[in-house]
Protein backbone atom coordinates (compact mmCIF):
# COMPACT_ATOMS: atom_id res chain seq x y z
CA UNK A 1 -212.69 -2.42 240.10
CA UNK A 2 -211.64 0.34 242.40
CA UNK A 3 -212.28 0.08 246.09
CA UNK A 4 -210.87 2.89 248.20
CA UNK A 5 -212.41 3.19 251.64
CA UNK A 6 -211.41 5.51 254.44
CA UNK A 7 -210.99 3.00 257.22
CA UNK A 8 -208.91 3.50 260.32
CA UNK A 9 -206.66 1.36 262.47
CA UNK A 10 -207.81 1.69 266.09
CA UNK A 11 -207.04 -0.90 268.76
CA UNK A 12 -207.58 -4.41 270.03
CA UNK A 13 -210.10 -4.86 272.79
CA UNK A 14 -211.02 -7.56 275.28
CA UNK A 15 -214.40 -9.18 274.73
CA UNK A 16 -216.66 -8.39 277.67
CA UNK A 17 -219.54 -10.75 277.01
CA UNK A 18 -219.13 -14.47 277.66
CA UNK A 19 -219.63 -15.65 274.11
CA UNK A 20 -218.67 -19.23 273.45
CA UNK A 21 -215.10 -19.83 272.29
CA UNK A 22 -215.48 -22.27 269.45
CA UNK A 23 -213.49 -23.73 266.62
CA UNK A 24 -216.29 -22.73 264.24
CA UNK A 25 -219.13 -21.32 266.23
CA UNK A 26 -221.46 -18.41 266.68
CA UNK A 27 -224.40 -16.91 268.53
CA UNK A 28 -227.54 -15.47 266.99
CA UNK A 29 -230.01 -13.23 268.82
CA UNK A 30 -233.04 -14.02 266.74
CA UNK A 31 -235.31 -13.17 269.69
CA UNK A 32 -235.02 -11.69 273.16
CA UNK A 33 -233.61 -15.03 274.25
CA UNK A 34 -230.22 -15.73 272.72
CA UNK A 35 -230.21 -18.72 270.38
CA UNK A 36 -226.86 -20.44 270.21
CA UNK A 37 -225.35 -21.68 266.96
CA UNK A 38 -222.64 -24.21 267.73
CA UNK A 39 -220.87 -24.90 264.48
CA UNK A 40 -218.75 -27.49 266.27
CA UNK A 41 -221.76 -29.74 265.86
CA UNK A 42 -222.25 -28.78 262.19
CA UNK A 43 -220.29 -30.07 259.26
CA UNK A 44 -219.59 -27.71 256.36
CA UNK A 45 -222.17 -29.68 254.40
CA UNK A 46 -224.74 -28.96 257.12
CA UNK A 47 -223.86 -25.26 257.06
CA UNK A 48 -224.32 -25.29 253.29
CA UNK A 49 -227.69 -26.98 253.65
CA UNK A 50 -228.92 -24.44 256.20
CA UNK A 51 -227.53 -21.58 254.11
CA UNK A 52 -229.44 -22.82 251.07
CA UNK A 53 -232.61 -22.91 253.18
CA UNK A 54 -232.00 -19.28 254.21
CA UNK A 55 -231.61 -18.48 250.52
CA UNK A 56 -230.14 -14.97 250.77
CA UNK A 57 -227.33 -13.03 252.44
CA UNK A 58 -227.43 -9.30 253.17
CA UNK A 59 -224.03 -7.60 253.27
CA UNK A 60 -222.84 -4.10 254.15
CA UNK A 61 -219.73 -2.47 252.72
CA UNK A 62 -219.27 -5.23 250.12
CA UNK A 63 -220.57 -3.74 246.85
CA UNK A 64 -219.96 -5.25 243.42
CA UNK A 65 -217.42 -2.59 242.41
CA UNK A 66 -215.17 -2.95 245.46
CA UNK A 67 -212.53 -5.70 245.49
CA UNK A 68 -214.43 -7.45 242.73
CA UNK A 69 -217.08 -8.65 245.18
CA UNK A 70 -219.33 -8.97 242.12
CA UNK A 71 -217.74 -12.25 241.04
CA UNK A 72 -217.89 -13.70 244.55
CA UNK A 73 -221.60 -12.96 244.99
CA UNK A 74 -222.32 -14.35 241.53
CA UNK A 75 -220.35 -17.51 242.33
CA UNK A 76 -222.19 -18.01 245.63
CA UNK A 77 -225.50 -17.58 243.85
CA UNK A 78 -224.57 -20.00 241.08
CA UNK A 79 -223.04 -22.62 243.38
CA UNK A 80 -225.49 -22.52 246.29
CA UNK A 81 -228.56 -20.68 244.98
CA UNK A 82 -228.11 -17.91 247.55
CA UNK A 83 -229.19 -14.40 246.54
CA UNK A 84 -227.40 -11.27 247.71
CA UNK A 85 -228.01 -7.61 248.52
CA UNK A 86 -225.55 -4.96 249.70
CA UNK A 87 -225.64 -1.52 251.25
CA UNK A 88 -222.34 0.28 250.78
CA UNK A 89 -221.03 2.09 253.85
CA UNK A 90 -217.87 2.76 255.84
CA UNK A 91 -216.52 0.48 258.57
CA UNK A 92 -217.78 2.76 261.33
CA UNK A 93 -221.22 2.92 259.74
CA UNK A 94 -221.39 -0.87 259.44
CA UNK A 95 -220.67 -1.32 263.12
CA UNK A 96 -223.11 1.42 264.11
CA UNK A 97 -225.81 -0.22 262.01
CA UNK A 98 -225.34 -3.65 263.54
CA UNK A 99 -225.22 -2.20 267.04
CA UNK A 100 -228.27 0.04 266.67
CA UNK A 101 -230.47 -2.55 264.95
CA UNK A 102 -229.74 -5.28 267.50
CA UNK A 103 -232.22 -8.12 267.17
CA UNK A 104 -233.91 -6.31 264.27
CA UNK A 105 -230.86 -6.93 262.12
CA UNK A 106 -230.98 -6.23 258.39
CA UNK A 107 -227.28 -7.03 257.80
CA UNK A 108 -225.74 -10.48 257.99
CA UNK A 109 -222.09 -9.83 257.11
CA UNK A 110 -219.82 -6.83 256.65
CA UNK A 111 -216.27 -6.00 255.56
CA UNK A 112 -214.29 -3.58 257.74
CA UNK A 113 -210.79 -2.21 258.17
CA UNK A 114 -208.77 -4.58 260.33
CA UNK A 115 -208.86 -2.53 263.51
CA UNK A 116 -212.60 -2.12 263.32
CA UNK A 117 -212.81 -5.88 263.85
CA UNK A 118 -211.75 -5.63 267.51
CA UNK A 119 -214.17 -2.73 267.96
CA UNK A 120 -217.04 -4.86 266.63
CA UNK A 121 -216.00 -7.68 268.96
CA UNK A 122 -215.80 -5.34 271.95
CA UNK A 123 -219.31 -4.08 271.17
CA UNK A 124 -220.50 -7.69 271.31
CA UNK A 125 -222.16 -7.68 267.90
CA UNK A 126 -220.15 -10.44 266.19
CA UNK A 127 -220.72 -14.12 265.58
CA UNK A 128 -217.40 -16.02 265.69
CA UNK A 129 -216.72 -18.45 262.87
CA UNK A 130 -213.24 -19.65 261.96
CA UNK A 131 -213.83 -21.49 258.62
CA UNK A 132 -211.90 -24.49 257.34
CA UNK A 133 -209.00 -22.24 256.23
CA UNK A 134 -208.21 -21.07 259.77
CA UNK A 135 -204.67 -22.44 259.98
CA UNK A 136 -203.64 -20.63 256.79
CA UNK A 137 -204.57 -17.19 258.11
CA UNK A 138 -201.62 -15.28 259.70
CA UNK A 139 -202.02 -14.56 263.41
CA UNK A 140 -202.04 -10.79 262.82
CA UNK A 141 -204.97 -11.22 260.42
CA UNK A 142 -207.51 -12.94 262.66
CA UNK A 143 -209.19 -12.78 266.02
CA UNK A 144 -208.30 -15.72 268.28
CA UNK A 145 -211.94 -16.80 268.41
CA UNK A 146 -212.87 -15.97 264.82
CA UNK A 147 -214.89 -12.82 265.48
CA UNK A 148 -213.12 -11.18 262.53
CA UNK A 149 -210.87 -12.61 259.80
CA UNK A 150 -208.92 -10.69 257.19
CA UNK A 151 -209.76 -11.76 253.66
CA UNK A 152 -207.36 -9.56 251.72
CA UNK A 153 -204.59 -7.09 252.32
CA UNK A 154 -203.15 -3.86 250.97
CA UNK A 155 -199.75 -2.16 251.20
CA UNK A 156 -198.79 1.51 250.89
CA UNK A 157 -197.31 2.03 247.42
CA UNK A 158 -196.04 4.71 245.07
CA UNK A 159 -197.78 5.38 241.76
CA UNK A 160 -195.94 7.47 239.18
CA UNK A 161 -197.13 9.10 235.95
CA UNK A 162 -194.33 8.17 233.55
CA UNK A 163 -195.41 10.95 231.16
CA UNK A 164 -194.41 13.49 233.82
CA UNK A 165 -191.80 11.66 235.89
CA UNK A 166 -188.46 10.75 234.28
CA UNK A 167 -187.14 8.62 237.13
CA UNK A 168 -189.85 6.42 238.65
CA UNK A 169 -189.35 6.39 242.46
CA UNK A 170 -188.68 3.00 244.00
CA UNK A 171 -187.65 4.18 247.46
CA UNK A 172 -188.44 6.93 249.94
CA UNK A 173 -185.00 8.36 249.21
CA UNK A 174 -185.94 8.57 245.53
CA UNK A 175 -188.92 10.72 246.50
CA UNK A 176 -186.67 13.17 248.35
CA UNK A 177 -184.33 13.42 245.38
CA UNK A 178 -187.02 13.86 242.73
CA UNK A 179 -188.21 16.97 240.93
CA UNK A 180 -191.94 16.22 240.87
CA UNK A 181 -194.89 16.87 243.18
CA UNK A 182 -195.72 14.11 245.67
CA UNK A 183 -199.39 13.72 246.61
CA UNK A 184 -200.27 12.28 250.01
CA UNK A 185 -203.86 13.43 250.49
CA UNK A 186 -205.41 14.66 253.74
CA UNK A 187 -203.38 13.25 256.64
CA UNK A 188 -205.61 15.01 259.16
CA UNK A 189 -208.67 12.92 258.26
CA UNK A 190 -207.79 10.17 255.78
CA UNK A 191 -206.71 6.69 256.87
CA UNK A 192 -204.81 5.99 253.67
CA UNK A 193 -202.87 9.22 254.11
CA UNK A 194 -202.15 8.52 257.77
CA UNK A 195 -200.87 5.08 256.82
CA UNK A 196 -198.51 6.77 254.35
CA UNK A 197 -196.94 8.62 257.29
CA UNK A 198 -196.63 5.37 259.26
CA UNK A 199 -195.06 3.67 256.23
CA UNK A 200 -192.49 6.45 255.94
CA UNK A 201 -191.80 6.22 259.67
CA UNK A 202 -191.25 2.44 259.46
CA UNK A 203 -188.88 2.92 256.52
CA UNK A 204 -186.80 5.38 258.56
CA UNK A 205 -186.56 3.45 261.83
CA UNK A 206 -189.87 4.41 263.43
CA UNK A 207 -192.96 2.36 264.22
CA UNK A 208 -196.47 2.66 265.65
CA UNK A 209 -195.05 4.22 268.80
CA UNK A 210 -192.82 6.71 266.98
CA UNK A 211 -194.11 8.55 263.90
CA UNK A 212 -191.49 11.31 264.07
CA UNK A 213 -189.30 9.87 261.28
CA UNK A 214 -192.34 9.92 259.00
CA UNK A 215 -193.26 13.46 260.02
CA UNK A 216 -189.69 14.58 259.38
CA UNK A 217 -189.71 12.96 255.94
CA UNK A 218 -192.83 14.78 254.78
CA UNK A 219 -191.68 18.04 256.39
CA UNK A 220 -188.59 17.86 254.18
CA UNK A 221 -190.74 17.36 251.08
CA UNK A 222 -192.86 20.32 252.14
CA UNK A 223 -189.78 22.52 252.62
CA UNK A 224 -188.73 21.62 249.08
CA UNK A 225 -192.12 22.85 247.87
CA UNK A 226 -192.90 19.39 246.51
CA UNK A 227 -195.63 18.11 248.84
CA UNK A 228 -199.19 18.19 247.54
CA UNK A 229 -202.10 17.78 249.92
CA UNK A 230 -204.69 18.34 247.17
CA UNK A 231 -207.54 15.89 246.75
CA UNK A 232 -206.06 14.30 243.64
CA UNK A 233 -205.43 10.71 244.71
CA UNK A 234 -208.18 9.62 242.35
CA UNK A 235 -209.00 8.62 238.80
CA UNK A 236 -209.99 12.20 238.02
CA UNK A 237 -206.70 13.52 239.44
CA UNK A 238 -204.85 11.13 237.16
CA UNK A 239 -206.94 11.90 234.10
CA UNK A 240 -206.29 15.63 234.44
CA UNK A 241 -202.57 15.15 235.04
CA UNK A 242 -202.73 16.69 238.52
CA UNK A 243 -201.22 13.55 240.04
CA UNK A 244 -197.51 13.16 239.27
CA UNK A 245 -196.52 10.78 242.08
CA UNK A 246 -199.03 9.55 244.63
CA UNK A 247 -198.81 7.49 247.82
CA UNK A 248 -201.72 5.06 248.04
CA UNK A 249 -202.72 1.52 248.87
CA UNK A 250 -201.41 -0.79 246.14
CA UNK A 251 -204.92 -1.95 245.24
CA UNK A 252 -206.01 1.64 244.62
CA UNK A 253 -202.86 2.43 242.65
CA UNK A 254 -203.36 -0.60 240.42
CA UNK A 255 -207.11 -0.16 240.09
CA UNK A 256 -206.90 3.53 239.20
CA UNK A 257 -204.07 2.93 236.72
CA UNK A 258 -206.12 0.24 235.01
CA UNK A 259 -209.03 2.64 234.62
CA UNK A 260 -206.93 5.47 233.18
CA UNK A 261 -203.97 3.97 231.29
CA UNK A 262 -202.01 1.09 232.79
CA UNK A 263 -199.07 1.63 230.43
CA UNK A 264 -198.70 5.23 231.56
CA UNK A 265 -198.39 4.48 235.28
CA UNK A 266 -195.94 2.42 237.29
CA UNK A 267 -196.74 1.12 240.78
CA UNK A 268 -193.96 0.21 243.21
CA UNK A 269 -193.57 -0.72 246.88
CA UNK A 270 -190.88 1.46 248.54
CA UNK A 271 -187.69 -0.51 249.04
CA UNK A 272 -186.80 0.63 252.58
CA UNK A 273 -190.14 -0.42 254.04
CA UNK A 274 -193.90 0.04 254.01
CA UNK A 275 -196.98 -0.90 255.99
CA UNK A 276 -199.57 -3.61 255.32
CA UNK A 277 -203.24 -3.39 256.21
CA UNK A 278 -206.07 -5.85 256.00
CA UNK A 279 -209.83 -5.85 255.57
CA UNK A 280 -211.85 -8.30 257.62
CA UNK A 281 -215.28 -9.85 257.48
CA UNK A 282 -217.51 -9.61 260.53
CA UNK A 283 -220.66 -11.69 260.88
CA UNK A 284 -223.57 -10.08 262.70
CA UNK A 285 -224.39 -11.88 265.95
CA UNK A 286 -228.05 -11.08 265.24
CA UNK A 287 -227.95 -12.13 261.58
CA UNK A 288 -231.25 -13.45 260.24
CA UNK A 289 -229.24 -15.56 257.77
CA UNK A 290 -226.23 -16.62 259.92
CA UNK A 291 -225.43 -19.79 257.98
CA UNK A 292 -225.45 -17.92 254.66
CA UNK A 293 -223.06 -15.41 256.23
CA UNK A 294 -220.77 -18.19 257.48
CA UNK A 295 -220.83 -19.82 254.06
CA UNK A 296 -219.99 -16.48 252.45
CA UNK A 297 -216.92 -16.11 254.70
CA UNK A 298 -215.97 -19.71 253.86
CA UNK A 299 -216.15 -18.95 250.14
CA UNK A 300 -214.26 -15.65 250.44
CA UNK A 301 -211.31 -17.55 251.92
CA UNK A 302 -211.48 -20.37 249.38
CA UNK A 303 -209.11 -20.45 246.42
CA UNK A 304 -211.91 -19.22 244.15
CA UNK A 305 -212.84 -16.38 246.52
CA UNK A 306 -209.24 -15.30 246.98
CA UNK A 307 -208.70 -15.23 243.21
CA UNK A 308 -211.85 -13.14 242.79
CA UNK A 309 -210.39 -10.57 245.20
CA UNK A 310 -207.10 -10.57 243.31
CA UNK A 311 -209.00 -9.70 240.14
CA UNK A 312 -209.84 -6.50 242.01
CA UNK A 313 -206.11 -6.02 242.84
CA UNK A 314 -206.46 -7.10 246.47
CA UNK A 315 -203.67 -9.42 247.61
CA UNK A 316 -205.08 -12.69 249.00
CA UNK A 317 -204.49 -13.31 252.69
CA UNK A 318 -203.83 -17.01 251.99
CA UNK A 319 -200.32 -17.22 250.60
CA UNK A 320 -200.87 -20.76 249.34
CA UNK A 321 -203.37 -19.58 246.72
CA UNK A 322 -201.83 -19.72 243.25
CA UNK A 323 -203.12 -16.90 241.08
CA UNK A 324 -203.73 -17.50 237.38
CA UNK A 325 -200.90 -16.05 235.32
CA UNK A 326 -203.08 -13.40 233.68
CA UNK A 327 -204.03 -12.08 237.14
CA UNK A 328 -200.62 -12.41 238.79
CA UNK A 329 -198.90 -10.43 236.03
CA UNK A 330 -201.12 -7.43 236.78
CA UNK A 331 -200.07 -7.35 240.45
CA UNK A 332 -196.93 -5.77 241.91
CA UNK A 333 -194.17 -8.43 241.96
CA UNK A 334 -194.10 -10.32 245.25
CA UNK A 335 -190.42 -9.61 245.91
CA UNK A 336 -191.18 -5.89 246.30
CA UNK A 337 -193.11 -6.64 249.50
CA UNK A 338 -190.16 -8.07 251.42
CA UNK A 339 -189.83 -5.02 253.72
CA UNK A 340 -193.55 -4.35 254.11
CA UNK A 341 -194.86 -5.17 257.59
CA UNK A 342 -198.35 -5.23 259.17
CA UNK A 343 -199.42 -3.02 262.03
CA UNK A 344 -198.73 -5.12 265.12
CA UNK A 345 -199.24 -2.71 268.02
CA UNK A 346 -202.76 -1.41 267.52
CA UNK A 347 -202.92 0.18 270.97
CA UNK A 348 -199.84 2.27 270.18
CA UNK A 349 -201.18 3.18 266.74
CA UNK A 350 -204.45 4.39 268.25
CA UNK A 351 -202.57 6.78 270.52
CA UNK A 352 -200.15 8.09 267.90
CA UNK A 353 -202.87 8.40 265.25
CA UNK A 354 -204.77 10.73 267.58
CA UNK A 355 -201.71 12.95 267.79
CA UNK A 356 -200.94 12.81 264.09
CA UNK A 357 -203.30 15.60 262.90
CA UNK A 358 -201.72 18.06 265.36
CA UNK A 359 -198.18 17.05 264.43
CA UNK A 360 -199.01 17.25 260.73
CA UNK A 361 -200.43 20.75 261.12
CA UNK A 362 -197.57 22.11 263.25
CA UNK A 363 -194.60 20.36 261.64
CA UNK A 364 -195.55 19.71 258.01
CA UNK A 365 -198.35 21.94 256.75
CA UNK A 366 -196.59 25.05 258.03
CA UNK A 367 -193.97 24.42 255.30
CA UNK A 368 -196.40 23.73 252.43
CA UNK A 369 -196.20 26.39 249.74
C-alpha cells in the first residue's frame, strides 16, 4: 500500500471565471452551453440517486495501490452500485488532461498535491463541492469555495534501519551527531526531497520565505561525508541495505517498512519541527458523471473513507475520526506531530522552491563526497 508521488507545492491563485460560489455546488460543461449543477437545491439523497443513475466514476491519479484507494472504490461499488476506473498519473498530468479534453472529458475526479488544487481552480477546470464534512476540514486544507479539498495528509519523517543504526534519530540534531549515511533523494527535481529541506529549515528557525537554515543543515551533513543523494528512498533501496536513514513522507516510510520488515525499521517525526502536506480531490467541471464524483468526495471524507486511507498509512484530514486500534497502532504516535506545521505561504514557497535547485547545487552538492 505504497503511494509515493512527486507532487509539488506551487501557489494559490485567484479564480478568473465567474463560477457560482455555493455551499455545495458545481458547474458541468456537458455541451458548448454550460449546464449548471446547483447542489444547494439537491439533498445528499438526491446526489446519491443521480450518482446511481450515472453508474460509474472515472478517476485519475487514484489507483488501487495508492493510499488504499482500493477499499474506497470497492465500498462505493458495494454501497451505491457505482463502478470505477482509474488512470494513474501525476498531479500536473491530471490537470493537463482535464484542461486539454475540455468538454470531451474522460475523467470525473482526480487527486493532486495540495498546491495543484489552486492551479486547477485558476485554470477554471474544477467543479466546487464542499460536502457535508466541510466544517471539519482545516482552513489550510480547503479552497474557500470547495474547488479542492484535502482528504489526507503527510509529514516529513525519518526512517532508520535498526540493523545498521545503533541510535535511531529522533531530531535533526541527532542526524548531525550520527555516524550513518542520510538519504534525502534528488532535491533538484523531487518534491519529497525539497520538502525535506523546508522541514529542516522550519526546525531551525526558517520558513517558506527562508530556506537557508535547511540548506546549511544539509551542507553540514555533506561536509561530514554523510549525505547520500542516491536514488535509494525506495523498497529496493531498503531491501539491499543501501538505505540507512532516509527522510521521507511518513506514509512512504511506514508503507515501505511494512513491505520490507516493519520490525527492522523505525519511523519518527523530528522533534524540533517538520512540514505537513496534503493531497486534495478535484472534480472535473466537465465531468460526464459529476454526481458520482461528488459522491466519491463525500465518501472519501466520511469516517469509512478516512479509515480506508489510514489503512494505507495516510493520516486522515478529519481529526474527529477514531481509527480502529489495529490501524492506529501502525501509525506514528500522534504526539510526535506537535511541531509539524503545514505550508501556509504558498506564494513564498513557489518563489523559494524555484531557487532551491541552484542553492542546492552551489551550497550542498559541492561538498558531497
